[in-house]
Amino acid sequence: MSAAEAVTFSYSDRPHDVEAMYVAANGDIFLITKRALASERGQLRPALVFRLPSNAWSGKEQTVAELTDSLSIVPGSAPFRVITDASLSPDGRRVAVRTYAQLFVYSLDSVSGRVRADIPAAVCNLAPLGEAQGEGLTWLSASGRFAFSSEGRGAPLHLASCPVSR
């Protein structure tokens, strides 16, 4: 086994709780905040998306993750709405973002890997899966077939088809 590499980074504003990330075709890493964030007025804010450039791995000093986007998902705005995973589609054109009970599928800019704000996310209800704590996902096909995992002893994998953004 070769030696593992590490990149040291901080966020441009303050520390964040992040469980979901994806790597764009250009090598940039996108990190998506998990939990509810409040604005200065106490209102819930959409999930934030930070970018680590692909060249962050080549430097020895700390890199700053740049705030690049926010998503239509507002963690804490509904029961079980915290972000637990993200997965890039096999064709690199979409990213699926999972909460405990929903899946949001966003179209991406094929060059930058950033979410396209001009195309609404497709949303899929995952409650029928009956997962105690839905955590993971991966694409089985670019047409919207997914595998889902949950925490807990003996938790099964689930397969389901969900709509994808155009």
C-alpha atoms as a PDB file:
ATOM      1  CA  MET A   1       0.000   0.000   0.000  1.00  0.00           C
ATOM      2  CA  SER A   2       1.298   3.471  -0.819  1.00  0.00           C
ATOM      3  CA  ALA A   3       1.415   6.228   1.771  1.00  0.00           C
ATOM      4  CA  ALA A   4      -1.812   8.129   2.328  1.00  0.00           C
ATOM      5  CA  GLU A   5      -1.953  11.794   1.436  1.00  0.00           C
ATOM      6  CA  ALA A   6      -3.680  14.512   3.425  1.00  0.00           C
ATOM      7  CA  VAL A   7      -4.767  18.043   2.727  1.00  0.00           C
ATOM      8  CA  THR A   8      -5.097  20.486   5.605  1.00  0.00           C
ATOM      9  CA  PHE A   9      -7.827  23.080   5.181  1.00  0.00           C
ATOM     10  CA  SER A  10     -10.124  25.479   6.945  1.00  0.00           C
ATOM     11  CA  TYR A  11     -13.393  27.052   5.879  1.00  0.00           C
ATOM     12  CA  SER A  12     -13.513  30.654   4.699  1.00  0.00           C
ATOM     13  CA  ASP A  13     -15.932  31.705   7.459  1.00  0.00           C
ATOM     14  CA  ARG A  14     -15.916  29.280  10.424  1.00  0.00           C
ATOM     15  CA  PRO A  15     -15.838  25.508  11.132  1.00  0.00           C
ATOM     16  CA  HIS A  16     -18.690  23.429   9.673  1.00  0.00           C
ATOM     17  CA  ASP A  17     -20.153  19.951  10.159  1.00  0.00           C
ATOM     18  CA  VAL A  18     -19.779  18.185   6.802  1.00  0.00           C
ATOM     19  CA  GLU A  19     -20.529  14.541   5.950  1.00  0.00           C
ATOM     20  CA  ALA A  20     -21.262  14.890   2.232  1.00  0.00           C
ATOM     21  CA  MET A  21     -18.746  15.575  -0.509  1.00  0.00           C
ATOM     22  CA  TYR A  22     -18.124  14.813  -4.152  1.00  0.00           C
ATOM     23  CA  VAL A  23     -15.192  15.176  -6.523  1.00  0.00           C
ATOM     24  CA  ALA A  24     -15.841  16.942  -9.827  1.00  0.00           C
ATOM     25  CA  ALA A  25     -14.304  15.798 -13.107  1.00  0.00           C
ATOM     26  CA  ASN A  26     -11.660  18.542 -12.820  1.00  0.00           C
ATOM     27  CA  GLY A  27     -10.546  17.178  -9.429  1.00  0.00           C
ATOM     28  CA  ASP A  28     -12.078  19.920  -7.274  1.00  0.00           C
ATOM     29  CA  ILE A  29     -13.666  18.638  -4.063  1.00  0.00           C
ATOM     30  CA  PHE A  30     -17.062  19.996  -3.022  1.00  0.00           C
ATOM     31  CA  LEU A  31     -18.076  19.827   0.662  1.00  0.00           C
ATOM     32  CA  ILE A  32     -21.741  20.200   1.712  1.00  0.00           C
ATOM     33  CA  THR A  33     -22.791  21.286   5.205  1.00  0.00           C
ATOM     34  CA  LYS A  34     -24.913  18.826   7.164  1.00  0.00           C
ATOM     35  CA  ARG A  35     -26.860  20.614   9.883  1.00  0.00           C
ATOM     36  CA  ALA A  36     -29.123  23.610  10.321  1.00  0.00           C
ATOM     37  CA  LEU A  37     -27.397  26.971   9.982  1.00  0.00           C
ATOM     38  CA  ALA A  38     -29.017  30.172  11.204  1.00  0.00           C
ATOM     39  CA  SER A  39     -28.732  33.566   9.556  1.00  0.00           C
ATOM     40  CA  GLU A  40     -27.915  36.661  11.592  1.00  0.00           C
ATOM     41  CA  ARG A  41     -31.692  37.086  12.067  1.00  0.00           C
ATOM     42  CA  GLY A  42     -32.089  33.513  13.300  1.00  0.00           C
ATOM     43  CA  GLN A  43     -33.709  32.157  10.118  1.00  0.00           C
ATOM     44  CA  LEU A  44     -32.629  28.775   8.798  1.00  0.00           C
ATOM     45  CA  ARG A  45     -30.229  28.966   5.863  1.00  0.00           C
ATOM     46  CA  PRO A  46     -29.787  26.615   2.906  1.00  0.00           C
ATOM     47  CA  ALA A  47     -26.978  24.058   2.999  1.00  0.00           C
ATOM     48  CA  LEU A  48     -23.660  25.600   1.990  1.00  0.00           C
ATOM     49  CA  VAL A  49     -21.257  24.205  -0.601  1.00  0.00           C
ATOM     50  CA  PHE A  50     -17.520  24.809  -0.235  1.00  0.00           C
ATOM     51  CA  ARG A  51     -14.836  24.030  -2.839  1.00  0.00           C
ATOM     52  CA  LEU A  52     -11.319  22.772  -2.336  1.00  0.00           C
ATOM     53  CA  PRO A  53      -9.356  23.219  -5.581  1.00  0.00           C
ATOM     54  CA  SER A  54      -7.674  20.157  -7.044  1.00  0.00           C
ATOM     55  CA  ASN A  55      -4.251  21.758  -6.540  1.00  0.00           C
ATOM     56  CA  ALA A  56      -4.780  21.798  -2.744  1.00  0.00           C
ATOM     57  CA  TRP A  57      -3.070  18.393  -2.643  1.00  0.00           C
ATOM     58  CA  SER A  58       0.164  19.750  -4.091  1.00  0.00           C
ATOM     59  CA  GLY A  59       0.847  22.345  -1.385  1.00  0.00           C
ATOM     60  CA  LYS A  60       2.141  21.818   2.126  1.00  0.00           C
ATOM     61  CA  GLU A  61       0.346  24.771   3.679  1.00  0.00           C
ATOM     62  CA  GLN A  62      -3.257  24.974   4.778  1.00  0.00           C
ATOM     63  CA  THR A  63      -5.843  25.595   2.068  1.00  0.00           C
ATOM     64  CA  VAL A  64      -9.035  27.601   2.517  1.00  0.00           C
ATOM     65  CA  ALA A  65     -12.255  25.977   1.317  1.00  0.00           C
ATOM     66  CA  GLU A  66     -14.082  28.649  -0.658  1.00  0.00           C
ATOM     67  CA  LEU A  67     -17.847  29.119  -0.269  1.00  0.00           C
ATOM     68  CA  THR A  68     -19.166  28.656  -3.809  1.00  0.00           C
ATOM     69  CA  ASP A  69     -22.850  27.779  -3.600  1.00  0.00           C
ATOM     70  CA  SER A  70     -25.855  26.985  -1.481  1.00  0.00           C
ATOM     71  CA  LEU A  71     -28.428  24.299  -2.189  1.00  0.00           C
ATOM     72  CA  SER A  72     -32.220  24.313  -2.134  1.00  0.00           C
ATOM     73  CA  ILE A  73     -32.048  21.962   0.883  1.00  0.00           C
ATOM     74  CA  VAL A  74     -32.576  23.804   4.177  1.00  0.00           C
ATOM     75  CA  PRO A  75     -31.303  21.511   6.945  1.00  0.00           C
ATOM     76  CA  GLY A  76     -33.587  21.565   9.981  1.00  0.00           C
ATOM     77  CA  SER A  77     -36.586  22.871   8.029  1.00  0.00           C
ATOM     78  CA  ALA A  78     -38.368  19.503   8.251  1.00  0.00           C
ATOM     79  CA  PRO A  79     -37.960  16.371  10.356  1.00  0.00           C
ATOM     80  CA  PHE A  80     -34.968  14.258   9.299  1.00  0.00           C
ATOM     81  CA  ARG A  81     -33.650  16.995   7.003  1.00  0.00           C
ATOM     82  CA  VAL A  82     -29.905  16.847   7.614  1.00  0.00           C
ATOM     83  CA  ILE A  83     -27.465  16.039   4.822  1.00  0.00           C
ATOM     84  CA  THR A  84     -25.736  12.686   5.206  1.00  0.00           C
ATOM     85  CA  ASP A  85     -24.118  11.891   1.840  1.00  0.00           C
ATOM     86  CA  ALA A  86     -23.560  12.971  -1.750  1.00  0.00           C
ATOM     87  CA  SER A  87     -22.630  11.027  -4.866  1.00  0.00           C
ATOM     88  CA  LEU A  88     -21.560  12.076  -8.346  1.00  0.00           C
ATOM     89  CA  SER A  89     -23.415  10.377 -11.208  1.00  0.00           C
ATOM     90  CA  PRO A  90     -21.454   7.969 -13.432  1.00  0.00           C
ATOM     91  CA  ASP A  91     -21.594  10.476 -16.309  1.00  0.00           C
ATOM     92  CA  GLY A  92     -20.512  13.390 -14.061  1.00  0.00           C
ATOM     93  CA  ARG A  93     -23.555  15.485 -15.027  1.00  0.00           C
ATOM     94  CA  ARG A  94     -25.442  15.301 -11.716  1.00  0.00           C
ATOM     95  CA  VAL A  95     -24.907  15.032  -7.999  1.00  0.00           C
ATOM     96  CA  ALA A  96     -27.332  13.263  -5.662  1.00  0.00           C
ATOM     97  CA  VAL A  97     -27.517  14.695  -2.133  1.00  0.00           C
ATOM     98  CA  ARG A  98     -29.124  12.610   0.583  1.00  0.00           C
ATOM     99  CA  THR A  99     -30.910  13.479   3.809  1.00  0.00           C
ATOM    100  CA  TYR A 100     -32.362  10.897   6.195  1.00  0.00           C
ATOM    101  CA  ALA A 101     -35.678  10.913   4.300  1.00  0.00           C
ATOM    102  CA  GLN A 102     -35.147  12.540   0.893  1.00  0.00           C
ATOM    103  CA  LEU A 103     -32.861  12.515  -2.126  1.00  0.00           C
ATOM    104  CA  PHE A 104     -32.188  15.694  -4.116  1.00  0.00           C
ATOM    105  CA  VAL A 105     -30.635  15.341  -7.572  1.00  0.00           C
ATOM    106  CA  TYR A 106     -28.940  18.446  -8.952  1.00  0.00           C
ATOM    107  CA  SER A 107     -27.583  19.134 -12.430  1.00  0.00           C
ATOM    108  CA  LEU A 108     -23.945  20.212 -12.558  1.00  0.00           C
ATOM    109  CA  ASP A 109     -21.897  22.445 -14.791  1.00  0.00           C
ATOM    110  CA  SER A 110     -19.783  19.872 -16.634  1.00  0.00           C
ATOM    111  CA  VAL A 111     -16.627  22.031 -16.558  1.00  0.00           C
ATOM    112  CA  SER A 112     -16.587  23.401 -13.002  1.00  0.00           C
ATOM    113  CA  GLY A 113     -18.607  20.700 -11.194  1.00  0.00           C
ATOM    114  CA  ARG A 114     -20.752  23.378  -9.570  1.00  0.00           C
ATOM    115  CA  VAL A 115     -24.509  22.956  -9.080  1.00  0.00           C
ATOM    116  CA  ARG A 116     -26.543  24.667 -11.810  1.00  0.00           C
ATOM    117  CA  ALA A 117     -28.909  27.077 -10.062  1.00  0.00           C
ATOM    118  CA  ASP A 118     -30.990  27.496 -13.234  1.00  0.00           C
ATOM    119  CA  ILE A 119     -32.247  23.890 -13.099  1.00  0.00           C
ATOM    120  CA  PRO A 120     -34.397  22.856 -10.103  1.00  0.00           C
ATOM    121  CA  ALA A 121     -33.423  19.731  -8.214  1.00  0.00           C
ATOM    122  CA  ALA A 122     -35.437  16.559  -8.667  1.00  0.00           C
ATOM    123  CA  VAL A 123     -36.657  15.328  -5.252  1.00  0.00           C
ATOM    124  CA  CYS A 124     -37.348  11.746  -4.205  1.00  0.00           C
ATOM    125  CA  ASN A 125     -39.075  10.696  -0.963  1.00  0.00           C
ATOM    126  CA  LEU A 126     -37.031   7.980   0.779  1.00  0.00           C
ATOM    127  CA  ALA A 127     -39.407   7.443   3.721  1.00  0.00           C
ATOM    128  CA  PRO A 128     -40.935   4.305   2.089  1.00  0.00           C
ATOM    129  CA  LEU A 129     -37.524   2.603   2.463  1.00  0.00           C
ATOM    130  CA  GLY A 130     -38.224   2.421   6.210  1.00  0.00           C
ATOM    131  CA  GLU A 131     -34.637   3.157   7.193  1.00  0.00           C
ATOM    132  CA  ALA A 132     -34.015   4.007  10.830  1.00  0.00           C
ATOM    133  CA  GLN A 133     -31.219   6.402   9.911  1.00  0.00           C
ATOM    134  CA  GLY A 134     -30.579   6.673   6.171  1.00  0.00           C
ATOM    135  CA  GLU A 135     -26.946   7.541   5.588  1.00  0.00           C
ATOM    136  CA  GLY A 136     -25.309   6.447   2.345  1.00  0.00           C
ATOM    137  CA  LEU A 137     -26.054   6.400  -1.343  1.00  0.00           C
ATOM    138  CA  THR A 138     -24.449   5.569  -4.631  1.00  0.00           C
ATOM    139  CA  TRP A 139     -25.584   5.646  -8.230  1.00  0.00           C
ATOM    140  CA  LEU A 140     -26.207   2.343 -10.004  1.00  0.00           C
ATOM    141  CA  SER A 141     -26.925   4.073 -13.321  1.00  0.00           C
ATOM    142  CA  ALA A 142     -26.998   7.606 -14.687  1.00  0.00           C
ATOM    143  CA  SER A 143     -30.734   7.166 -15.325  1.00  0.00           C
ATOM    144  CA  GLY A 144     -31.595   7.378 -11.614  1.00  0.00           C
ATOM    145  CA  ARG A 145     -31.195   3.915 -10.100  1.00  0.00           C
ATOM    146  CA  PHE A 146     -29.616   4.149  -6.623  1.00  0.00           C
ATOM    147  CA  ALA A 147     -28.433   1.993  -3.739  1.00  0.00           C
ATOM    148  CA  PHE A 148     -29.118   3.326  -0.217  1.00  0.00           C
ATOM    149  CA  SER A 149     -27.642   2.313   3.132  1.00  0.00           C
ATOM    150  CA  SER A 150     -28.630   2.936   6.714  1.00  0.00           C
ATOM    151  CA  GLU A 151     -26.890   2.728  10.073  1.00  0.00           C
ATOM    152  CA  GLY A 152     -27.627  -0.079  12.468  1.00  0.00           C
ATOM    153  CA  ARG A 153     -26.913  -3.754  12.933  1.00  0.00           C
ATOM    154  CA  GLY A 154     -28.457  -5.824  10.181  1.00  0.00           C
ATOM    155  CA  ALA A 155     -29.629  -2.797   8.190  1.00  0.00           C
ATOM    156  CA  PRO A 156     -30.228  -3.896   4.585  1.00  0.00           C
ATOM    157  CA  LEU A 157     -29.195  -2.101   1.426  1.00  0.00           C
ATOM    158  CA  HIS A 158     -32.123  -0.755  -0.560  1.00  0.00           C
ATOM    159  CA  LEU A 159     -32.394  -0.234  -4.311  1.00  0.00           C
ATOM    160  CA  ALA A 160     -34.752   2.368  -5.721  1.00  0.00           C
ATOM    161  CA  SER A 161     -35.277   4.507  -8.783  1.00  0.00           C
ATOM    162  CA  CYS A 162     -35.666   8.249  -8.354  1.00  0.00           C
ATOM    163  CA  PRO A 163     -36.240  11.045 -10.851  1.00  0.00           C
ATOM    164  CA  VAL A 164     -33.178  12.952 -12.001  1.00  0.00           C
ATOM    165  CA  SER A 165     -32.935  16.572 -13.060  1.00  0.00           C
ATOM    166  CA  ARG A 166     -32.803  17.178 -16.792  1.00  0.00           C
END
